[in-house]
Amino acid sequence: MYHNTCDVITTILREHTGKEDVLLTDGGDHADVASTIAFSLAKELKKAPALIAKDIAEAIKDKVLQETGAQTLAVGPYVNFIFGAQYCSNVLKQAVCDGYGKGQSQSQRVVLEHTSANPNGPLHVGHIRNTIIGDTLTRSFRKAGYPLEVQYYVNDMGRQIAIVAWGIATQGADIHAEGKGDHLIAEVYIEANRHLEKDPALNAEIDRLMQMVESGDPDTISQFKIPVKRCLDGFKDTLAAMHVKHDRFVYESDFIRNGDTAKILSRISHLPEARIEETLSLDLSAYGFEKNYILRRSDGTSVYAARDIAFHIWKGHNFDRIIDVLGADHKLIGTQLQATLDILGERVPEIVFFEFVSLPEGSMSTRKGKFISADELIAETERRALEEVTVRRPELSEEERKKIAHSVAISAIRYDIIRTIPEKSTVFDWKEALDFEKQSGPYIQYAHARACSILDKANSYTPCFEAEGEGEIALTKQIALFPKVIQEVVTELKPHLLAIYARELADIFNSFYHAEPVLKAEGKIRDRRLTLVDATRNTLKEALETLGIDALRAM
């Protein structure tokens, strides 16, 4: 509804002014949207922008009112538009329907890669910001109507996996023992690194394993494959607990076995930017990089970057839009990848880089055995959530309280991580994340539960798709922005915008609920406000689900 109304107003402005650049902006406190077209016309018409705005508003106000129901007025140099009763009515009719905010089916095929942590130990707090950003984008793209495949790129032949394979062979570790596979693999990896640090000469054995796996030695491939699978099975359990699922796991080794890596290295070797010495590298100085981009080692083995290029060329041939989610520590290799693909004339991925999330306890390192796993984070958050739920709902059975606590814990983790702009580092704060009264995931869940409770108590009412008074209109107009926000998330790749929107909707709903009687209202006013509560409930549900959070009916 928001976009439709803006499109009509934009068309009217273009017809009247003969200008294309009449894009509408946020009207702030004065209007729903505004146009700055008067500024660009000032030089041409040799008039003050305020006078031009006044002339435009007067000339188009009747047509805008007739076609959209919006009021048009000039405020200084701005042409402002205030959406009217018909707009609010149409919004409410749409917002009470299941699937509100769903965009029309798009033809553009999108592939999104996220998480892709090395299978050498459990996912930790640092990894799951990648996971949550990627999954929120995934849900937003699907909500916007895009056919999307979400992928996990498995590093199944790199140095870290060689260390794990060597550790299993030399330590006699039983990776099939009871327990979560990713945690068992971490124990092997940590111990193996201790041995390598004590005796650096042992690194020659790691190099030999990497050469053998790339040459296709069956025994070495098997040595790598078994721990990788064991670790990935553990990852999948952790991801499922956070409501995350990948459509496809793509293996790095596939691009060695199918010959794609060799083909791309041959192709790169003939580029003017290629530098062939003991290694094969690319001179990317034209893109601002001082050091050459090494793709093949002196022993003839390819580096991770070469396989990654082959992977991205494959994606570019099968999808229209490629999106990667990468940590800030991958910014150099990510931008080098983009530059190389540009030189090759291949589709270049869009990359969402994010800074790290940490706990007050400090930084993490899998190699040194100093990390807090995502499993531990979930368990501890659930424990704290259960304490809060038990205080609030002591009458519930233990099973019911644990079920709510799990949903609240995942909500707390996902929301606290996604609400911060990706480019900014953040510390996960237990107290803030679980605060039912403030800006948290549970706070938004609680607003949804409150709306459900109001409707349950109401029993019956006659839907009335109208909004009157400042509180009702403000809430309706916030509901109207949901489809717009979804579109902004997928266009700008900024999932935090959805988190901000959901919190603001919960805020406005809570203000409305405290200021305007709903259940105690009578007649048409009661019907109107209950309809608005239902529209809010449904919009909160759709927003929460797009954030990967359960929309609980009771808390």
Protein backbone atom coordinates (compact mmCIF):
# COMPACT_ATOMS: atom_id res chain seq x y z
CA MET A 1 0.00 0.00 0.00
CA TYR A 2 2.82 2.40 0.91
CA HIS A 3 4.67 1.76 -2.35
CA ASN A 4 1.50 1.96 -4.44
CA THR A 5 0.58 5.32 -2.96
CA CYS A 6 4.13 6.65 -3.42
CA ASP A 7 4.20 5.42 -7.03
CA VAL A 8 1.00 7.31 -7.87
CA ILE A 9 2.28 10.51 -6.24
CA THR A 10 5.62 10.18 -8.03
CA THR A 11 3.85 9.78 -11.39
CA ILE A 12 1.74 12.90 -10.75
CA LEU A 13 4.83 14.91 -9.82
CA ARG A 14 6.66 13.79 -12.95
CA GLU A 15 3.72 14.65 -15.18
CA HIS A 16 3.41 18.09 -13.65
CA THR A 17 7.10 19.05 -13.52
CA GLY A 18 8.43 17.11 -16.51
CA LYS A 19 11.27 15.89 -14.27
CA GLU A 20 12.31 12.29 -13.57
CA ASP A 21 14.20 12.96 -10.33
CA VAL A 22 11.18 13.42 -8.07
CA LEU A 23 11.99 10.64 -5.61
CA LEU A 24 10.03 10.82 -2.38
CA THR A 25 11.75 10.93 0.99
CA ASP A 26 10.65 10.40 4.57
CA GLY A 27 8.48 13.32 5.61
CA GLY A 28 9.63 13.20 9.23
CA ASP A 29 7.20 14.63 11.79
CA HIS A 30 5.39 16.75 9.21
CA ALA A 31 4.20 14.19 6.67
CA ASP A 32 4.31 10.60 5.50
CA VAL A 33 6.51 11.44 2.52
CA ALA A 34 7.93 14.59 0.97
CA SER A 35 9.46 15.78 -2.30
CA THR A 36 12.47 18.07 -2.68
CA ILE A 37 11.76 18.72 -6.37
CA ALA A 38 11.51 22.48 -5.71
CA PHE A 39 15.26 22.65 -5.06
CA SER A 40 16.17 21.19 -8.45
CA LEU A 41 13.69 23.50 -10.23
CA ALA A 42 14.87 26.69 -8.50
CA LYS A 43 17.73 27.48 -10.88
CA GLU A 44 15.69 26.65 -13.98
CA LEU A 45 12.64 28.71 -12.92
CA LYS A 46 14.68 31.42 -11.18
CA LYS A 47 12.36 31.34 -8.17
CA ALA A 48 12.74 30.56 -4.49
CA PRO A 49 12.20 26.84 -3.70
CA ALA A 50 9.49 27.72 -1.16
CA LEU A 51 7.46 29.54 -3.86
CA ILE A 52 7.90 26.66 -6.30
CA ALA A 53 6.81 24.14 -3.66
CA LYS A 54 3.70 26.21 -2.96
CA ASP A 55 2.81 26.36 -6.69
CA ILE A 56 3.32 22.61 -7.15
CA ALA A 57 1.23 21.74 -4.09
CA GLU A 58 -1.62 23.94 -5.27
CA ALA A 59 -1.50 22.53 -8.81
CA ILE A 60 -1.51 18.81 -7.94
CA LYS A 61 -3.45 18.62 -4.65
CA ASP A 62 -6.82 17.79 -6.24
CA LYS A 63 -5.42 15.02 -8.42
CA VAL A 64 -3.41 13.52 -5.55
CA LEU A 65 -6.47 13.59 -3.31
CA GLN A 66 -8.65 12.00 -5.98
CA GLU A 67 -6.21 9.20 -6.85
CA THR A 68 -4.69 8.43 -3.44
CA GLY A 69 -6.75 10.17 -0.78
CA ALA A 70 -3.60 11.98 0.40
CA GLN A 71 -3.40 15.65 1.35
CA THR A 72 -0.78 17.82 -0.37
CA LEU A 73 0.72 20.90 1.21
CA ALA A 74 3.87 22.99 0.96
CA VAL A 75 6.03 23.41 4.05
CA GLY A 76 8.86 25.76 3.17
CA PRO A 77 10.69 24.31 0.13
CA TYR A 78 9.14 20.82 0.59
CA VAL A 79 6.03 19.39 -1.00
CA ASN A 80 4.55 17.20 1.73
CA PHE A 81 1.99 14.41 1.46
CA ILE A 82 -0.16 13.09 4.31
CA PHE A 83 -1.89 9.81 3.62
CA GLY A 84 -5.59 9.75 4.42
CA ALA A 85 -8.43 7.54 5.65
CA GLN A 86 -8.64 5.38 2.53
CA TYR A 87 -4.95 4.58 2.83
CA CYS A 88 -5.41 3.47 6.45
CA SER A 89 -8.45 1.39 5.54
CA ASN A 90 -6.60 -0.43 2.75
CA VAL A 91 -3.61 -1.06 5.03
CA LEU A 92 -5.77 -2.66 7.71
CA LYS A 93 -7.58 -4.87 5.21
CA GLN A 94 -4.24 -6.23 4.02
CA ALA A 95 -2.58 -6.43 7.43
CA VAL A 96 -5.09 -8.84 8.98
CA CYS A 97 -4.45 -11.43 6.25
CA ASP A 98 -2.01 -14.33 6.63
CA GLY A 99 1.24 -13.69 4.82
CA TYR A 100 1.00 -9.90 5.10
CA GLY A 101 4.08 -8.30 3.57
CA LYS A 102 4.68 -11.09 1.05
CA GLY A 103 6.00 -9.64 -2.18
CA GLN A 104 5.06 -10.66 -5.70
CA SER A 105 7.04 -13.57 -7.17
CA GLN A 106 10.34 -12.40 -8.60
CA SER A 107 12.22 -13.96 -11.50
CA GLN A 108 15.71 -13.05 -10.25
CA ARG A 109 17.44 -16.16 -8.87
CA VAL A 110 19.40 -15.43 -5.70
CA VAL A 111 22.06 -17.52 -3.96
CA LEU A 112 23.11 -16.62 -0.44
CA GLU A 113 26.05 -18.20 1.38
CA HIS A 114 26.41 -17.85 5.12
CA THR A 115 28.09 -19.40 8.17
CA SER A 116 30.54 -21.68 6.25
CA ALA A 117 32.69 -22.14 9.37
CA ASN A 118 35.62 -24.54 9.11
CA PRO A 119 34.64 -28.00 10.40
CA ASN A 120 37.36 -28.16 13.04
CA GLY A 121 35.27 -27.49 16.15
CA PRO A 122 31.83 -26.28 17.23
CA LEU A 123 30.26 -23.05 16.08
CA HIS A 124 31.04 -20.33 18.60
CA VAL A 125 29.61 -16.93 19.42
CA GLY A 126 31.78 -15.32 16.73
CA HIS A 127 30.34 -17.59 14.03
CA ILE A 128 26.68 -17.14 14.82
CA ARG A 129 26.54 -13.46 13.92
CA ASN A 130 27.28 -14.68 10.39
CA THR A 131 24.53 -17.29 10.77
CA ILE A 132 21.90 -14.89 12.08
CA ILE A 133 22.66 -12.16 9.51
CA GLY A 134 22.54 -14.75 6.72
CA ASP A 135 19.34 -16.43 7.90
CA THR A 136 17.53 -13.11 8.43
CA LEU A 137 18.47 -12.06 4.90
CA THR A 138 17.31 -15.47 3.64
CA ARG A 139 13.90 -15.08 5.28
CA SER A 140 13.60 -11.49 4.04
CA PHE A 141 14.35 -12.45 0.43
CA ARG A 142 11.77 -15.22 0.56
CA LYS A 143 9.27 -12.85 2.14
CA ALA A 144 9.94 -10.42 -0.69
CA GLY A 145 9.09 -13.15 -3.23
CA TYR A 146 12.55 -14.15 -4.47
CA PRO A 147 13.46 -17.74 -5.40
CA LEU A 148 16.52 -18.22 -3.21
CA GLU A 149 18.98 -20.99 -2.42
CA VAL A 150 20.96 -20.76 0.80
CA GLN A 151 24.33 -22.50 0.77
CA TYR A 152 27.03 -23.56 3.20
CA TYR A 153 30.48 -23.76 1.63
CA VAL A 154 32.42 -26.56 3.31
CA ASN A 155 36.17 -26.17 3.62
CA ASP A 156 36.85 -29.91 3.55
CA MET A 157 40.49 -29.90 2.34
CA GLY A 158 42.23 -26.92 3.93
CA ARG A 159 45.08 -26.85 6.41
CA GLN A 160 42.83 -26.94 9.46
CA ILE A 161 41.17 -30.15 8.23
CA ALA A 162 44.58 -31.63 7.48
CA ILE A 163 45.55 -30.93 11.10
CA VAL A 164 42.41 -32.70 12.31
CA ALA A 165 43.06 -35.71 10.04
CA TRP A 166 46.69 -35.87 11.22
CA GLY A 167 45.60 -35.55 14.84
CA ILE A 168 43.16 -38.45 14.54
CA ALA A 169 45.84 -40.64 12.94
CA THR A 170 48.57 -39.82 15.47
CA GLN A 171 46.50 -39.50 18.66
CA GLY A 172 44.23 -42.48 18.12
CA ALA A 173 41.19 -40.33 18.96
CA ASP A 174 37.78 -41.99 18.77
CA ILE A 175 35.69 -39.44 16.91
CA HIS A 176 32.77 -41.88 16.82
CA ALA A 177 32.49 -41.80 20.60
CA GLU A 178 29.29 -40.58 22.23
CA GLY A 179 28.81 -36.87 22.23
CA LYS A 180 28.38 -34.07 19.76
CA GLY A 181 30.76 -34.56 16.84
CA ASP A 182 31.87 -30.95 16.49
CA HIS A 183 32.99 -30.85 20.13
CA LEU A 184 34.93 -34.12 19.74
CA ILE A 185 36.68 -32.76 16.63
CA ALA A 186 37.63 -29.60 18.56
CA GLU A 187 39.42 -31.72 21.18
CA VAL A 188 41.45 -33.41 18.43
CA TYR A 189 42.26 -30.09 16.73
CA ILE A 190 43.36 -28.39 19.95
CA GLU A 191 45.60 -31.31 20.97
CA ALA A 192 47.10 -31.58 17.47
CA ASN A 193 48.01 -27.87 17.51
CA ARG A 194 49.76 -28.33 20.85
CA HIS A 195 51.98 -31.02 19.28
CA LEU A 196 52.68 -28.85 16.22
CA GLU A 197 53.66 -25.89 18.40
CA LYS A 198 56.07 -28.07 20.39
CA ASP A 199 57.66 -29.56 17.27
CA PRO A 200 57.28 -27.28 14.18
CA ALA A 201 59.03 -29.89 12.02
CA LEU A 202 55.82 -31.91 12.16
CA ASN A 203 54.21 -29.32 9.86
CA ALA A 204 55.87 -31.14 6.95
CA GLU A 205 53.42 -33.99 7.58
CA ILE A 206 50.51 -31.55 7.32
CA ASP A 207 51.89 -30.23 4.01
CA ARG A 208 52.20 -33.81 2.72
CA LEU A 209 48.56 -34.56 3.60
CA MET A 210 47.40 -31.43 1.74
CA GLN A 211 49.35 -32.46 -1.36
CA MET A 212 47.93 -36.00 -1.24
CA VAL A 213 44.31 -34.90 -0.80
CA GLU A 214 44.58 -32.50 -3.76
CA SER A 215 46.19 -35.20 -5.94
CA GLY A 216 43.15 -37.41 -5.25
CA ASP A 217 44.68 -40.07 -2.99
CA PRO A 218 41.65 -42.17 -1.87
CA ASP A 219 42.94 -42.98 1.64
CA THR A 220 43.73 -39.35 2.39
CA ILE A 221 40.36 -38.21 1.02
CA SER A 222 38.68 -40.66 3.38
CA GLN A 223 40.85 -39.40 6.27
CA PHE A 224 39.51 -35.89 5.62
CA LYS A 225 35.91 -36.80 4.81
CA ILE A 226 35.03 -38.70 8.03
CA PRO A 227 35.81 -35.93 10.58
CA VAL A 228 34.29 -33.27 8.30
CA LYS A 229 30.98 -35.16 8.23
CA ARG A 230 31.06 -35.73 11.98
CA CYS A 231 31.61 -32.03 12.58
CA LEU A 232 28.96 -30.91 10.10
CA ASP A 233 26.36 -33.15 11.78
CA GLY A 234 27.06 -31.27 15.00
CA PHE A 235 26.76 -27.93 13.18
CA LYS A 236 23.38 -28.91 11.78
CA ASP A 237 22.04 -29.63 15.27
CA THR A 238 23.22 -26.24 16.53
CA LEU A 239 21.80 -24.43 13.50
CA ALA A 240 18.45 -26.23 13.87
CA ALA A 241 18.24 -25.06 17.51
CA MET A 242 18.53 -21.48 16.19
CA HIS A 243 15.87 -22.10 13.49
CA VAL A 244 18.45 -22.11 10.69
CA LYS A 245 18.60 -24.51 7.74
CA HIS A 246 20.74 -24.56 4.59
CA ASP A 247 19.39 -25.78 1.27
CA ARG A 248 22.72 -27.10 0.07
CA PHE A 249 26.17 -27.94 1.42
CA VAL A 250 28.74 -27.31 -1.32
CA TYR A 251 32.16 -28.93 -0.83
CA GLU A 252 35.39 -27.16 -1.66
CA SER A 253 36.93 -30.43 -2.86
CA ASP A 254 34.27 -30.76 -5.57
CA PHE A 255 35.96 -27.95 -7.48
CA ILE A 256 39.24 -29.89 -7.46
CA ARG A 257 37.64 -33.22 -8.46
CA ASN A 258 35.59 -31.76 -11.35
CA GLY A 259 38.59 -29.91 -12.80
CA ASP A 260 37.11 -26.41 -12.35
CA THR A 261 40.01 -25.20 -10.21
CA ALA A 262 42.63 -26.35 -12.73
CA LYS A 263 40.68 -24.69 -15.56
CA ILE A 264 40.39 -21.39 -13.75
CA LEU A 265 44.10 -21.39 -12.79
CA SER A 266 44.99 -22.01 -16.44
CA ARG A 267 42.68 -19.20 -17.50
CA ILE A 268 44.17 -16.83 -14.91
CA SER A 269 47.73 -17.72 -15.94
CA HIS A 270 47.06 -16.18 -19.37
CA LEU A 271 45.84 -12.85 -17.97
CA PRO A 272 48.07 -9.77 -18.34
CA GLU A 273 47.87 -9.38 -14.55
CA ALA A 274 49.21 -12.93 -13.94
CA ARG A 275 52.60 -13.30 -12.27
CA ILE A 276 54.18 -16.74 -12.69
CA GLU A 277 57.28 -17.30 -10.60
CA GLU A 278 57.51 -20.14 -8.08
CA THR A 279 53.86 -19.40 -7.39
CA LEU A 280 50.97 -18.22 -9.54
CA SER A 281 49.57 -14.89 -8.41
CA LEU A 282 47.62 -11.90 -9.71
CA ASP A 283 48.71 -8.29 -9.69
CA LEU A 284 45.65 -6.44 -8.38
CA SER A 285 47.37 -3.08 -7.95
CA ALA A 286 44.84 -1.52 -10.33
CA TYR A 287 42.24 -2.30 -7.65
CA GLY A 288 44.31 -0.79 -4.85
CA PHE A 289 45.99 -3.95 -3.50
CA GLU A 290 49.71 -3.68 -2.75
CA LYS A 291 50.52 -7.41 -2.54
CA ASN A 292 49.91 -9.97 -5.26
CA TYR A 293 46.99 -12.37 -4.82
CA ILE A 294 48.55 -15.86 -4.56
CA LEU A 295 46.46 -18.67 -6.09
CA ARG A 296 48.88 -21.57 -6.47
CA ARG A 297 51.74 -22.56 -4.16
CA SER A 298 55.26 -23.39 -5.22
CA ASP A 299 54.55 -27.11 -4.67
CA GLY A 300 51.76 -26.94 -7.28
CA THR A 301 48.81 -27.13 -4.87
CA SER A 302 46.01 -24.58 -5.14
CA VAL A 303 45.19 -22.28 -2.24
CA TYR A 304 41.71 -21.77 -0.79
CA ALA A 305 41.23 -18.60 -2.86
CA ALA A 306 41.57 -20.52 -6.16
CA ARG A 307 38.85 -22.99 -5.18
CA ASP A 308 36.73 -20.08 -3.99
CA ILE A 309 37.00 -18.41 -7.40
CA ALA A 310 35.87 -21.64 -9.09
CA PHE A 311 32.95 -21.86 -6.65
CA HIS A 312 31.86 -18.30 -7.37
CA ILE A 313 32.10 -18.72 -11.14
CA TRP A 314 29.83 -21.77 -10.79
CA LYS A 315 27.40 -19.67 -8.73
CA GLY A 316 27.50 -16.87 -11.27
CA HIS A 317 26.54 -19.26 -14.07
CA ASN A 318 23.56 -20.60 -12.11
CA PHE A 319 22.20 -17.55 -10.28
CA ASP A 320 21.44 -13.91 -11.07
CA ARG A 321 22.47 -12.41 -7.75
CA ILE A 322 25.24 -13.74 -5.48
CA ILE A 323 25.44 -12.72 -1.82
CA ASP A 324 28.11 -13.75 0.70
CA VAL A 325 28.17 -13.03 4.43
CA LEU A 326 31.73 -12.74 5.71
CA GLY A 327 33.47 -11.63 8.88
CA ALA A 328 35.66 -8.53 8.91
CA ASP A 329 38.75 -10.76 9.03
CA HIS A 330 37.83 -11.93 5.51
CA LYS A 331 37.55 -8.42 4.08
CA LEU A 332 40.90 -8.62 2.26
CA ILE A 333 40.30 -11.99 0.59
CA GLY A 334 36.68 -11.05 -0.10
CA THR A 335 37.58 -7.87 -1.95
CA GLN A 336 40.43 -9.64 -3.76
CA LEU A 337 37.90 -12.24 -4.90
CA GLN A 338 35.60 -9.49 -6.19
CA ALA A 339 38.47 -7.85 -8.09
CA THR A 340 39.56 -11.14 -9.67
CA LEU A 341 36.06 -12.00 -10.83
CA ASP A 342 35.74 -8.50 -12.29
CA ILE A 343 38.98 -9.01 -14.28
CA LEU A 344 37.64 -12.35 -15.52
CA GLY A 345 34.38 -10.75 -16.61
CA GLU A 346 32.38 -12.99 -14.28
CA ARG A 347 29.47 -12.11 -12.02
CA VAL A 348 30.80 -10.35 -8.90
CA PRO A 349 29.25 -11.24 -5.53
CA GLU A 350 27.81 -8.73 -3.11
CA ILE A 351 29.45 -9.19 0.27
CA VAL A 352 27.97 -8.31 3.64
CA PHE A 353 30.95 -7.83 5.93
CA PHE A 354 30.30 -7.86 9.66
CA GLU A 355 32.33 -7.05 12.74
CA PHE A 356 32.47 -9.52 15.57
CA VAL A 357 30.15 -10.32 18.43
CA SER A 358 31.77 -11.27 21.70
CA LEU A 359 30.83 -11.97 25.28
CA PRO A 360 31.97 -9.97 28.30
CA GLU A 361 34.22 -12.97 29.03
CA GLY A 362 36.53 -11.97 26.17
CA SER A 363 37.88 -13.10 22.79
CA MET A 364 37.85 -16.62 21.39
CA SER A 365 40.26 -18.96 19.58
CA THR A 366 39.42 -22.52 18.51
CA ARG A 367 43.08 -23.33 17.96
CA LYS A 368 43.99 -22.48 21.55
CA GLY A 369 40.86 -24.10 22.96
CA LYS A 370 39.61 -20.77 24.27
CA PHE A 371 36.06 -20.25 23.08
CA ILE A 372 32.43 -20.34 24.17
CA SER A 373 30.47 -22.53 21.81
CA ALA A 374 27.09 -21.55 20.41
CA ASP A 375 25.71 -24.63 22.20
CA GLU A 376 26.93 -23.26 25.54
CA LEU A 377 25.53 -19.81 24.72
CA ILE A 378 22.11 -21.29 23.91
CA ALA A 379 22.11 -23.47 27.04
CA GLU A 380 23.08 -20.60 29.33
CA THR A 381 20.54 -18.23 27.75
CA GLU A 382 17.85 -20.90 28.13
CA ARG A 383 18.77 -21.33 31.80
CA ARG A 384 18.44 -17.60 32.43
CA ALA A 385 15.24 -17.40 30.37
CA LEU A 386 13.72 -20.26 32.37
CA GLU A 387 14.37 -18.35 35.60
CA GLU A 388 12.54 -15.33 34.17
CA VAL A 389 9.62 -17.38 32.81
CA THR A 390 9.27 -19.24 36.13
CA VAL A 391 8.96 -15.93 38.00
CA ARG A 392 6.36 -14.65 35.53
CA ARG A 393 4.38 -17.86 34.96
CA PRO A 394 4.79 -20.13 38.03
CA GLU A 395 1.42 -21.75 37.34
CA LEU A 396 2.67 -23.42 34.13
CA SER A 397 4.06 -26.95 34.06
CA GLU A 398 7.82 -27.39 33.86
CA GLU A 399 7.49 -28.66 30.28
CA GLU A 400 5.52 -25.57 29.22
CA ARG A 401 7.98 -23.23 30.93
CA LYS A 402 10.96 -24.94 29.26
CA LYS A 403 9.29 -24.67 25.85
CA ILE A 404 8.70 -20.94 26.33
CA ALA A 405 12.22 -20.50 27.72
CA HIS A 406 13.76 -22.07 24.61
CA SER A 407 11.80 -19.73 22.31
CA VAL A 408 12.67 -16.74 24.49
CA ALA A 409 16.37 -17.71 24.54
CA ILE A 410 16.60 -18.02 20.75
CA SER A 411 14.69 -14.75 20.42
CA ALA A 412 17.11 -13.04 22.82
CA ILE A 413 20.19 -14.30 20.96
CA ARG A 414 18.93 -13.66 17.43
CA TYR A 415 17.50 -10.23 18.13
CA ASP A 416 20.41 -8.93 20.20
CA ILE A 417 22.80 -9.87 17.39
CA ILE A 418 20.71 -8.71 14.42
CA ARG A 419 19.64 -5.34 15.86
CA THR A 420 23.16 -3.91 15.49
CA ILE A 421 24.33 -2.72 12.08
CA PRO A 422 26.70 -5.43 10.70
CA GLU A 423 29.65 -3.04 10.36
CA LYS A 424 29.66 -2.38 14.10
CA SER A 425 31.14 -4.78 16.65
CA THR A 426 28.96 -5.75 19.58
CA VAL A 427 29.06 -7.50 22.94
CA PHE A 428 26.22 -9.89 23.76
CA ASP A 429 24.72 -8.61 27.01
CA TRP A 430 22.75 -11.31 28.86
CA LYS A 431 20.65 -8.86 30.89
CA GLU A 432 19.66 -6.61 27.98
CA ALA A 433 18.95 -9.51 25.63
CA LEU A 434 16.49 -11.09 28.08
CA ASP A 435 14.78 -7.89 29.23
CA PHE A 436 11.03 -8.30 28.67
CA GLU A 437 10.45 -4.60 29.28
CA LYS A 438 13.00 -3.08 26.92
CA GLN A 439 14.38 -3.28 23.40
CA SER A 440 14.85 -7.03 23.06
CA GLY A 441 13.47 -9.99 21.16
CA PRO A 442 11.40 -11.12 24.17
CA TYR A 443 9.99 -7.58 24.41
CA ILE A 444 8.63 -7.87 20.86
CA GLN A 445 7.39 -11.42 21.53
CA TYR A 446 5.60 -10.09 24.61
CA ALA A 447 3.88 -7.36 22.56
CA HIS A 448 2.61 -10.08 20.20
CA ALA A 449 1.43 -12.20 23.15
CA ARG A 450 -0.37 -9.18 24.59
CA ALA A 451 -2.21 -8.60 21.29
CA CYS A 452 -3.23 -12.28 21.26
CA SER A 453 -4.47 -12.01 24.85
CA ILE A 454 -6.60 -8.94 24.06
CA LEU A 455 -8.21 -10.72 21.11
CA ASP A 456 -8.84 -13.88 23.17
CA LYS A 457 -10.56 -11.84 25.87
CA ALA A 458 -12.67 -9.97 23.30
CA ASN A 459 -14.37 -13.17 22.13
CA SER A 460 -16.16 -11.63 19.15
CA TYR A 461 -16.30 -8.36 17.27
CA THR A 462 -17.20 -7.04 13.82
CA PRO A 463 -14.10 -6.10 11.79
CA CYS A 464 -13.98 -2.37 11.11
CA PHE A 465 -11.21 -1.19 8.81
CA GLU A 466 -10.96 2.42 9.92
CA ALA A 467 -8.51 4.44 11.99
CA GLU A 468 -9.37 7.60 13.86
CA GLY A 469 -7.40 9.69 16.28
CA GLU A 470 -3.67 10.19 16.60
CA GLY A 471 -2.88 6.86 18.31
CA GLU A 472 -4.83 4.66 15.89
CA ILE A 473 -3.49 6.43 12.81
CA ALA A 474 0.13 6.31 14.03
CA LEU A 475 -0.12 2.55 14.67
CA THR A 476 -1.80 1.93 11.31
CA LYS A 477 0.87 3.87 9.44
CA GLN A 478 3.61 1.91 11.22
CA ILE A 479 1.92 -1.34 10.17
CA ALA A 480 1.84 -0.02 6.59
CA LEU A 481 5.66 0.25 6.52
CA PHE A 482 6.29 -3.50 6.95
CA PRO A 483 6.40 -4.41 3.21
CA LYS A 484 8.55 -1.32 2.57
CA VAL A 485 11.06 -2.38 5.22
CA ILE A 486 11.27 -5.91 3.79
CA GLN A 487 12.08 -4.41 0.39
CA GLU A 488 14.75 -2.15 1.91
CA VAL A 489 16.37 -5.13 3.66
CA VAL A 490 16.77 -7.10 0.41
CA THR A 491 17.78 -4.07 -1.68
CA GLU A 492 20.32 -2.66 0.77
CA LEU A 493 21.29 -5.96 2.50
CA LYS A 494 20.66 -4.39 5.91
CA PRO A 495 18.80 -6.90 8.08
CA HIS A 496 19.05 -4.68 11.17
CA LEU A 497 16.36 -2.46 9.58
CA LEU A 498 13.79 -5.20 10.19
CA ALA A 499 14.85 -5.54 13.82
CA ILE A 500 14.47 -1.78 14.34
CA TYR A 501 11.08 -1.81 12.62
CA ALA A 502 9.72 -4.65 14.77
CA ARG A 503 10.83 -2.94 17.98
CA GLU A 504 9.27 0.36 16.91
CA LEU A 505 6.01 -1.40 16.04
CA ALA A 506 5.99 -3.01 19.50
CA ASP A 507 6.69 0.42 21.07
CA ILE A 508 3.85 2.15 19.20
CA PHE A 509 1.46 -0.71 19.96
CA ASN A 510 2.27 -0.58 23.68
CA SER A 511 1.74 3.20 23.70
CA PHE A 512 -1.58 2.77 21.89
CA TYR A 513 -2.71 -0.01 24.26
CA HIS A 514 -1.94 2.05 27.38
CA ALA A 515 -3.54 5.25 26.01
CA GLU A 516 -6.64 3.93 24.22
CA PRO A 517 -9.23 1.65 25.89
CA VAL A 518 -9.80 -1.42 23.71
CA LEU A 519 -11.81 -4.05 25.58
CA LYS A 520 -13.68 -1.39 27.58
CA ALA A 521 -14.57 0.60 24.48
CA GLU A 522 -18.05 0.17 23.02
CA GLY A 523 -19.72 -0.21 19.66
CA LYS A 524 -17.86 0.82 16.55
CA ILE A 525 -14.91 2.19 18.52
CA ARG A 526 -14.38 -1.25 20.11
CA ASP A 527 -14.66 -2.99 16.73
CA ARG A 528 -12.24 -0.52 15.16
CA ARG A 529 -9.62 -0.89 17.87
CA LEU A 530 -9.87 -4.68 18.02
CA THR A 531 -9.38 -4.79 14.25
CA LEU A 532 -6.29 -2.64 14.71
CA VAL A 533 -5.02 -4.99 17.45
CA ASP A 534 -5.50 -7.94 15.10
CA ALA A 535 -3.62 -6.14 12.32
CA THR A 536 -0.80 -5.41 14.78
CA ARG A 537 -0.75 -9.01 16.01
CA ASN A 538 -0.46 -10.33 12.48
CA THR A 539 2.23 -7.83 11.46
CA LEU A 540 4.26 -8.61 14.58
CA LYS A 541 3.90 -12.33 13.81
CA GLU A 542 5.12 -11.85 10.23
CA ALA A 543 8.01 -9.64 11.38
CA LEU A 544 9.08 -12.04 14.14
CA GLU A 545 8.98 -15.04 11.82
CA THR A 546 11.05 -13.15 9.24
CA LEU A 547 13.54 -12.50 12.05
CA GLY A 548 13.58 -16.25 12.77
CA ILE A 549 11.82 -15.78 16.12
CA ASP A 550 8.77 -17.68 17.41
CA ALA A 551 5.62 -15.54 17.64
CA LEU A 552 4.40 -16.86 21.00
CA ARG A 553 0.73 -16.50 21.87
CA ALA A 554 1.44 -16.59 25.60
CA MET A 555 4.52 -15.83 27.72
